[in-house]
């Protein structure tokens, strides 16, 4: 069971991190508005392009592939603490947020709407959620047996 003070700290971290991520996705890293709408609706298209290029240590590859996974791990760690509930519910809330951010990137012409980004973001969330569950199972279970 999550303590109320832990839930408050996690909520503050989640809000702060969400605001930082919104900034990164819409304005950070020198993002300027494009003249056209950029989008990819073909699942795995961008991912395949990066994998075929084979330059796994280039900055572009690391930012796109690893970055799109890594920066979303905190959501998998924090959402269960803040909201609780089933994986299905938490994942649905997470996906709704990602879709909104991707649509904002498209409409504001700051980045692109890319279904592959959503796939990688979801992988990051799932990795974070898995870490959360592992932590809960390994570290919290012995405490539950004592009470």
N, C-alpha and C. Protein backbone atom coordinates (compact mmCIF):
# COMPACT_ATOMS: atom_id res chain seq x y z
N UNK A 1 0.84 -1.18 0.00
CA UNK A 1 0.00 0.00 0.00
C UNK A 1 0.88 1.25 0.00
N UNK A 2 0.50 2.21 -0.81
CA UNK A 2 1.26 3.44 -0.93
C UNK A 2 0.84 4.40 0.17
N UNK A 3 1.83 4.96 0.86
CA UNK A 3 1.57 5.93 1.92
C UNK A 3 1.12 7.24 1.29
N UNK A 4 0.23 7.98 1.99
CA UNK A 4 -0.24 9.27 1.43
C UNK A 4 0.89 10.24 1.10
N UNK A 5 1.92 10.31 1.94
CA UNK A 5 3.02 11.22 1.66
C UNK A 5 3.81 10.78 0.42
N UNK A 6 3.91 9.47 0.19
CA UNK A 6 4.57 8.98 -1.02
C UNK A 6 3.75 9.34 -2.25
N UNK A 7 2.45 9.23 -2.13
CA UNK A 7 1.57 9.58 -3.25
C UNK A 7 1.68 11.06 -3.59
N UNK A 8 1.79 11.92 -2.56
CA UNK A 8 1.93 13.37 -2.80
C UNK A 8 3.24 13.68 -3.51
N UNK A 9 4.34 13.09 -3.03
CA UNK A 9 5.63 13.32 -3.66
C UNK A 9 5.62 12.82 -5.10
N UNK A 10 5.04 11.66 -5.32
CA UNK A 10 4.97 11.10 -6.67
C UNK A 10 4.12 11.99 -7.57
N UNK A 11 3.03 12.54 -7.04
CA UNK A 11 2.17 13.44 -7.83
C UNK A 11 2.92 14.70 -8.22
N UNK A 12 3.67 15.27 -7.30
CA UNK A 12 4.48 16.46 -7.60
C UNK A 12 5.53 16.14 -8.66
N UNK A 13 6.19 15.00 -8.52
CA UNK A 13 7.19 14.59 -9.50
C UNK A 13 6.55 14.36 -10.86
N UNK A 14 5.37 13.74 -10.87
CA UNK A 14 4.67 13.47 -12.13
C UNK A 14 4.27 14.76 -12.84
N UNK A 15 3.74 15.70 -12.12
CA UNK A 15 3.34 16.99 -12.71
C UNK A 15 4.57 17.73 -13.22
N UNK A 16 5.59 17.81 -12.41
CA UNK A 16 6.82 18.50 -12.82
C UNK A 16 7.45 17.86 -14.05
N UNK A 17 7.54 16.54 -14.03
CA UNK A 17 8.14 15.84 -15.16
C UNK A 17 7.28 15.98 -16.42
N UNK A 18 5.97 15.95 -16.25
CA UNK A 18 5.07 16.13 -17.40
C UNK A 18 5.26 17.50 -18.04
N UNK A 19 5.38 18.54 -17.21
CA UNK A 19 5.60 19.89 -17.74
C UNK A 19 6.94 19.98 -18.47
N UNK A 20 7.97 19.37 -17.91
CA UNK A 20 9.27 19.35 -18.56
C UNK A 20 9.19 18.63 -19.91
N UNK A 21 8.50 17.52 -19.93
CA UNK A 21 8.37 16.74 -21.17
C UNK A 21 7.58 17.51 -22.24
N UNK A 22 6.54 18.21 -21.83
CA UNK A 22 5.78 19.03 -22.77
C UNK A 22 6.68 20.10 -23.37
N UNK A 23 7.49 20.72 -22.54
CA UNK A 23 8.44 21.71 -23.04
C UNK A 23 9.40 21.07 -24.04
N UNK A 24 9.99 19.92 -23.68
CA UNK A 24 10.91 19.23 -24.59
C UNK A 24 10.26 18.91 -25.92
N UNK A 25 9.03 18.40 -25.87
CA UNK A 25 8.37 17.93 -27.09
C UNK A 25 7.91 19.07 -28.00
N UNK A 26 7.64 20.22 -27.42
CA UNK A 26 7.10 21.31 -28.23
C UNK A 26 8.09 22.46 -28.48
N UNK A 27 9.01 22.68 -27.56
CA UNK A 27 9.89 23.84 -27.69
C UNK A 27 11.38 23.53 -27.52
N UNK A 28 11.71 22.50 -26.81
CA UNK A 28 13.10 22.20 -26.46
C UNK A 28 13.93 21.76 -27.64
N UNK A 29 15.22 21.71 -27.41
CA UNK A 29 16.18 21.23 -28.40
C UNK A 29 16.14 22.06 -29.68
N UNK A 30 15.84 23.34 -29.55
CA UNK A 30 15.84 24.23 -30.71
C UNK A 30 14.69 24.01 -31.68
N UNK A 31 13.59 23.44 -31.21
CA UNK A 31 12.46 23.20 -32.12
C UNK A 31 11.86 24.50 -32.60
N UNK A 32 11.75 24.60 -33.87
CA UNK A 32 11.10 25.73 -34.51
C UNK A 32 9.91 25.20 -35.30
N UNK A 33 8.88 26.02 -35.48
CA UNK A 33 7.74 25.55 -36.28
C UNK A 33 8.16 25.24 -37.72
N UNK A 34 7.57 24.20 -38.28
CA UNK A 34 7.81 23.82 -39.68
C UNK A 34 6.80 24.53 -40.58
N UNK A 35 7.08 24.52 -41.86
CA UNK A 35 6.13 25.09 -42.82
C UNK A 35 5.01 24.12 -43.15
N UNK A 36 5.27 22.83 -42.97
CA UNK A 36 4.30 21.81 -43.33
C UNK A 36 3.99 20.91 -42.13
N UNK A 37 2.92 20.15 -42.27
CA UNK A 37 2.58 19.16 -41.26
C UNK A 37 3.44 17.92 -41.50
N UNK A 38 4.05 17.40 -40.45
CA UNK A 38 4.87 16.20 -40.56
C UNK A 38 4.22 15.08 -39.76
N UNK A 39 4.10 13.92 -40.41
CA UNK A 39 3.46 12.81 -39.72
C UNK A 39 3.89 11.48 -40.32
N UNK A 40 3.78 10.44 -39.53
CA UNK A 40 3.99 9.06 -39.96
C UNK A 40 2.89 8.23 -39.34
N UNK A 41 2.07 7.63 -40.17
CA UNK A 41 0.97 6.79 -39.69
C UNK A 41 1.24 5.31 -39.92
N UNK A 42 2.41 4.97 -40.48
CA UNK A 42 2.74 3.57 -40.75
C UNK A 42 3.50 2.99 -39.56
N UNK A 43 2.88 2.06 -38.83
CA UNK A 43 3.58 1.46 -37.69
C UNK A 43 4.91 0.81 -38.11
N UNK A 44 5.94 1.09 -37.34
CA UNK A 44 7.30 0.55 -37.48
C UNK A 44 8.08 1.11 -38.67
N UNK A 45 7.53 2.06 -39.39
CA UNK A 45 8.23 2.63 -40.55
C UNK A 45 9.51 3.36 -40.12
N UNK A 46 9.39 4.29 -39.20
CA UNK A 46 10.56 5.05 -38.74
C UNK A 46 11.54 4.15 -38.00
N UNK A 47 11.00 3.26 -37.19
CA UNK A 47 11.87 2.34 -36.44
C UNK A 47 12.69 1.49 -37.41
N UNK A 48 12.06 0.97 -38.45
CA UNK A 48 12.79 0.17 -39.45
C UNK A 48 13.87 0.99 -40.14
N UNK A 49 13.57 2.25 -40.45
CA UNK A 49 14.57 3.11 -41.08
C UNK A 49 15.80 3.26 -40.19
N UNK A 50 15.58 3.48 -38.93
CA UNK A 50 16.71 3.62 -38.00
C UNK A 50 17.48 2.32 -37.86
N UNK A 51 16.78 1.20 -37.80
CA UNK A 51 17.46 -0.08 -37.66
C UNK A 51 18.24 -0.44 -38.93
N UNK A 52 17.68 -0.13 -40.10
CA UNK A 52 18.38 -0.41 -41.36
C UNK A 52 19.64 0.44 -41.52
N UNK A 53 19.59 1.67 -41.03
CA UNK A 53 20.76 2.55 -41.15
C UNK A 53 21.95 1.95 -40.40
N UNK A 54 21.68 1.25 -39.31
CA UNK A 54 22.72 0.54 -38.59
C UNK A 54 23.70 1.40 -37.81
N UNK A 55 23.50 2.69 -37.79
CA UNK A 55 24.41 3.57 -37.06
C UNK A 55 23.88 3.74 -35.64
N UNK A 56 24.07 2.69 -34.83
CA UNK A 56 23.44 2.62 -33.52
C UNK A 56 24.02 3.56 -32.47
N UNK A 57 25.12 4.19 -32.77
CA UNK A 57 25.71 5.11 -31.80
C UNK A 57 25.59 6.57 -32.23
N UNK A 58 24.91 6.83 -33.33
CA UNK A 58 24.75 8.22 -33.75
C UNK A 58 23.80 8.93 -32.79
N UNK A 59 23.98 10.22 -32.68
CA UNK A 59 23.15 11.01 -31.78
C UNK A 59 21.68 10.93 -32.19
N UNK A 60 21.42 10.95 -33.47
CA UNK A 60 20.03 10.92 -33.95
C UNK A 60 19.36 9.59 -33.57
N UNK A 61 20.10 8.48 -33.75
CA UNK A 61 19.57 7.17 -33.40
C UNK A 61 19.31 7.08 -31.90
N UNK A 62 20.28 7.53 -31.10
CA UNK A 62 20.13 7.46 -29.65
C UNK A 62 18.95 8.29 -29.16
N UNK A 63 18.82 9.50 -29.68
CA UNK A 63 17.72 10.37 -29.26
C UNK A 63 16.38 9.77 -29.67
N UNK A 64 16.28 9.31 -30.89
CA UNK A 64 14.99 8.81 -31.37
C UNK A 64 14.62 7.48 -30.73
N UNK A 65 15.49 6.51 -30.82
CA UNK A 65 15.14 5.17 -30.35
C UNK A 65 15.22 5.06 -28.82
N UNK A 66 16.37 5.34 -28.27
CA UNK A 66 16.56 5.20 -26.83
C UNK A 66 15.84 6.31 -26.07
N UNK A 67 15.92 7.52 -26.59
CA UNK A 67 15.27 8.65 -25.92
C UNK A 67 13.77 8.50 -25.83
N UNK A 68 13.13 8.04 -26.90
CA UNK A 68 11.67 7.87 -26.90
C UNK A 68 11.22 6.78 -25.95
N UNK A 69 12.10 5.88 -25.62
CA UNK A 69 11.78 4.86 -24.61
C UNK A 69 12.12 5.41 -23.22
N UNK A 70 13.34 5.87 -23.06
CA UNK A 70 13.85 6.26 -21.75
C UNK A 70 13.09 7.36 -21.06
N UNK A 71 12.70 8.39 -21.80
CA UNK A 71 12.06 9.53 -21.13
C UNK A 71 10.64 9.20 -20.65
N UNK A 72 10.10 8.07 -21.06
CA UNK A 72 8.75 7.73 -20.62
C UNK A 72 8.71 6.66 -19.52
N UNK A 73 9.89 6.16 -19.14
CA UNK A 73 9.97 5.21 -18.03
C UNK A 73 9.39 5.82 -16.74
N UNK A 74 9.68 7.09 -16.43
CA UNK A 74 9.11 7.65 -15.19
C UNK A 74 7.59 7.59 -15.11
N UNK A 75 6.90 7.64 -16.23
CA UNK A 75 5.44 7.54 -16.20
C UNK A 75 5.00 6.16 -15.73
N UNK A 76 5.71 5.13 -16.15
CA UNK A 76 5.39 3.78 -15.69
C UNK A 76 5.69 3.58 -14.22
N UNK A 77 6.63 4.35 -13.70
CA UNK A 77 6.96 4.28 -12.28
C UNK A 77 6.01 5.11 -11.42
N UNK A 78 5.64 6.29 -11.91
CA UNK A 78 4.89 7.25 -11.09
C UNK A 78 3.37 7.10 -11.18
N UNK A 79 2.83 6.80 -12.36
CA UNK A 79 1.37 6.69 -12.48
C UNK A 79 0.77 5.66 -11.53
N UNK A 80 1.36 4.47 -11.36
CA UNK A 80 0.76 3.52 -10.41
C UNK A 80 0.77 4.03 -8.97
N UNK A 81 1.78 4.80 -8.61
CA UNK A 81 1.86 5.34 -7.25
C UNK A 81 0.78 6.41 -7.06
N UNK A 82 0.63 7.27 -8.05
CA UNK A 82 -0.30 8.39 -7.94
C UNK A 82 -1.75 7.95 -8.09
N UNK A 83 -2.04 7.13 -9.11
CA UNK A 83 -3.42 6.79 -9.43
C UNK A 83 -3.85 5.41 -8.98
N UNK A 84 -2.88 4.49 -8.85
CA UNK A 84 -3.25 3.11 -8.54
C UNK A 84 -4.07 2.52 -9.67
N UNK A 85 -4.59 1.35 -9.47
CA UNK A 85 -5.46 0.73 -10.46
C UNK A 85 -4.73 -0.26 -11.34
N UNK A 86 -5.43 -0.75 -12.32
CA UNK A 86 -4.93 -1.81 -13.18
C UNK A 86 -4.00 -1.26 -14.26
N UNK A 87 -3.20 -2.15 -14.79
CA UNK A 87 -2.32 -1.79 -15.92
C UNK A 87 -3.14 -1.26 -17.08
N UNK A 88 -4.25 -1.88 -17.37
CA UNK A 88 -5.10 -1.45 -18.49
C UNK A 88 -5.55 0.01 -18.31
N UNK A 89 -5.99 0.34 -17.13
CA UNK A 89 -6.45 1.72 -16.85
C UNK A 89 -5.29 2.71 -16.96
N UNK A 90 -4.17 2.39 -16.32
CA UNK A 90 -3.02 3.29 -16.34
C UNK A 90 -2.47 3.45 -17.75
N UNK A 91 -2.40 2.36 -18.49
CA UNK A 91 -1.89 2.41 -19.86
C UNK A 91 -2.82 3.25 -20.74
N UNK A 92 -4.12 3.13 -20.52
CA UNK A 92 -5.10 3.93 -21.29
C UNK A 92 -4.91 5.42 -21.02
N UNK A 93 -4.73 5.77 -19.76
CA UNK A 93 -4.50 7.18 -19.40
C UNK A 93 -3.20 7.67 -20.04
N UNK A 94 -2.15 6.85 -19.96
CA UNK A 94 -0.87 7.21 -20.56
C UNK A 94 -1.02 7.41 -22.07
N UNK A 95 -1.66 6.47 -22.76
CA UNK A 95 -1.82 6.59 -24.21
C UNK A 95 -2.61 7.83 -24.60
N UNK A 96 -3.63 8.15 -23.84
CA UNK A 96 -4.41 9.36 -24.12
C UNK A 96 -3.50 10.59 -24.06
N UNK A 97 -2.65 10.66 -23.04
CA UNK A 97 -1.72 11.78 -22.93
C UNK A 97 -0.75 11.84 -24.09
N UNK A 98 -0.23 10.69 -24.51
CA UNK A 98 0.72 10.64 -25.62
C UNK A 98 0.06 11.07 -26.92
N UNK A 99 -1.15 10.60 -27.16
CA UNK A 99 -1.87 10.98 -28.38
C UNK A 99 -2.10 12.49 -28.40
N UNK A 100 -2.48 13.06 -27.26
CA UNK A 100 -2.69 14.51 -27.18
C UNK A 100 -1.39 15.25 -27.50
N UNK A 101 -0.27 14.81 -26.92
CA UNK A 101 1.01 15.47 -27.20
C UNK A 101 1.41 15.35 -28.66
N UNK A 102 1.22 14.18 -29.25
CA UNK A 102 1.56 13.99 -30.66
C UNK A 102 0.68 14.87 -31.55
N UNK A 103 -0.59 14.99 -31.22
CA UNK A 103 -1.49 15.86 -32.00
C UNK A 103 -1.06 17.31 -31.86
N UNK A 104 -0.67 17.72 -30.65
CA UNK A 104 -0.17 19.08 -30.46
C UNK A 104 1.07 19.35 -31.31
N UNK A 105 1.98 18.37 -31.38
CA UNK A 105 3.16 18.54 -32.22
C UNK A 105 2.75 18.74 -33.68
N UNK A 106 1.78 17.98 -34.14
CA UNK A 106 1.32 18.09 -35.52
C UNK A 106 0.65 19.44 -35.77
N UNK A 107 -0.32 19.79 -34.94
CA UNK A 107 -1.10 21.01 -35.14
C UNK A 107 -0.22 22.26 -35.03
N UNK A 108 0.69 22.26 -34.06
CA UNK A 108 1.57 23.41 -33.87
C UNK A 108 2.77 23.39 -34.81
N UNK A 109 2.89 22.31 -35.58
CA UNK A 109 4.00 22.13 -36.52
C UNK A 109 5.35 22.20 -35.82
N UNK A 110 5.40 21.66 -34.62
CA UNK A 110 6.64 21.60 -33.83
C UNK A 110 6.94 20.13 -33.58
N UNK A 111 7.57 19.51 -34.52
CA UNK A 111 7.79 18.07 -34.43
C UNK A 111 6.86 17.39 -35.40
N UNK A 112 6.59 16.12 -35.13
CA UNK A 112 5.74 15.37 -36.03
C UNK A 112 4.85 14.43 -35.25
N UNK A 113 3.73 14.08 -35.85
CA UNK A 113 2.87 13.05 -35.30
C UNK A 113 3.40 11.74 -35.85
N UNK A 114 3.98 10.93 -34.99
CA UNK A 114 4.63 9.69 -35.44
C UNK A 114 4.13 8.53 -34.60
N UNK A 115 3.45 7.60 -35.25
CA UNK A 115 2.93 6.43 -34.55
C UNK A 115 4.08 5.61 -33.95
N UNK A 116 5.24 5.64 -34.57
CA UNK A 116 6.40 4.92 -34.02
C UNK A 116 6.88 5.54 -32.72
N UNK A 117 6.80 6.85 -32.61
CA UNK A 117 7.13 7.49 -31.34
C UNK A 117 6.21 6.97 -30.24
N UNK A 118 4.93 6.83 -30.56
CA UNK A 118 3.97 6.33 -29.58
C UNK A 118 4.28 4.89 -29.19
N UNK A 119 4.71 4.08 -30.14
CA UNK A 119 5.10 2.70 -29.84
C UNK A 119 6.30 2.68 -28.89
N UNK A 120 7.30 3.50 -29.19
CA UNK A 120 8.49 3.56 -28.33
C UNK A 120 8.16 4.15 -26.96
N UNK A 121 7.30 5.17 -26.94
CA UNK A 121 6.88 5.77 -25.67
C UNK A 121 6.14 4.74 -24.82
N UNK A 122 5.28 3.96 -25.45
CA UNK A 122 4.55 2.91 -24.74
C UNK A 122 5.51 1.86 -24.20
N UNK A 123 6.55 1.53 -24.95
CA UNK A 123 7.56 0.59 -24.47
C UNK A 123 8.25 1.14 -23.22
N UNK A 124 8.52 2.45 -23.22
CA UNK A 124 9.11 3.08 -22.04
C UNK A 124 8.18 3.01 -20.84
N UNK A 125 6.91 3.30 -21.06
CA UNK A 125 5.93 3.20 -19.98
C UNK A 125 5.89 1.78 -19.42
N UNK A 126 5.81 0.80 -20.32
CA UNK A 126 5.74 -0.60 -19.89
C UNK A 126 6.99 -1.02 -19.13
N UNK A 127 8.14 -0.56 -19.57
CA UNK A 127 9.39 -0.85 -18.87
C UNK A 127 9.35 -0.26 -17.46
N UNK A 128 8.91 0.99 -17.35
CA UNK A 128 8.78 1.63 -16.05
C UNK A 128 7.78 0.91 -15.16
N UNK A 129 6.66 0.50 -15.74
CA UNK A 129 5.64 -0.22 -14.97
C UNK A 129 6.19 -1.56 -14.49
N UNK A 130 6.95 -2.23 -15.36
CA UNK A 130 7.57 -3.50 -14.97
C UNK A 130 8.54 -3.32 -13.82
N UNK A 131 9.31 -2.25 -13.86
CA UNK A 131 10.24 -1.95 -12.76
C UNK A 131 9.46 -1.68 -11.48
N UNK A 132 8.37 -0.92 -11.60
CA UNK A 132 7.53 -0.64 -10.44
C UNK A 132 7.00 -1.93 -9.84
N UNK A 133 6.48 -2.83 -10.67
CA UNK A 133 5.93 -4.10 -10.19
C UNK A 133 7.01 -4.97 -9.57
N UNK A 134 8.18 -4.98 -10.18
CA UNK A 134 9.29 -5.76 -9.64
C UNK A 134 9.68 -5.22 -8.27
N UNK A 135 9.78 -3.92 -8.15
CA UNK A 135 10.08 -3.27 -6.87
C UNK A 135 9.02 -3.65 -5.84
N UNK A 136 7.77 -3.55 -6.24
CA UNK A 136 6.67 -3.86 -5.34
C UNK A 136 6.75 -5.32 -4.88
N UNK A 137 7.02 -6.21 -5.79
CA UNK A 137 7.07 -7.63 -5.48
C UNK A 137 8.27 -7.99 -4.59
N UNK A 138 9.43 -7.47 -4.93
CA UNK A 138 10.65 -7.83 -4.21
C UNK A 138 10.76 -7.12 -2.87
N UNK A 139 10.57 -5.82 -2.85
CA UNK A 139 10.83 -5.05 -1.65
C UNK A 139 9.62 -4.87 -0.74
N UNK A 140 8.44 -4.87 -1.30
CA UNK A 140 7.27 -4.59 -0.47
C UNK A 140 6.63 -5.87 0.08
N UNK A 141 6.74 -6.98 -0.61
CA UNK A 141 6.11 -8.21 -0.15
C UNK A 141 6.57 -8.67 1.22
N UNK A 142 7.88 -8.65 1.53
CA UNK A 142 8.27 -9.07 2.88
C UNK A 142 7.61 -8.22 3.97
N UNK A 143 7.43 -6.94 3.71
CA UNK A 143 6.76 -6.07 4.70
C UNK A 143 5.30 -6.43 4.86
N UNK A 144 4.65 -6.85 3.79
CA UNK A 144 3.22 -7.20 3.86
C UNK A 144 3.03 -8.47 4.67
N UNK A 145 3.96 -9.40 4.62
CA UNK A 145 3.84 -10.66 5.35
C UNK A 145 3.97 -10.44 6.86
N UNK A 146 4.73 -9.44 7.27
CA UNK A 146 4.95 -9.18 8.70
C UNK A 146 3.74 -8.56 9.37
N UNK A 147 2.91 -7.86 8.60
CA UNK A 147 1.78 -7.15 9.23
C UNK A 147 0.55 -8.00 9.26
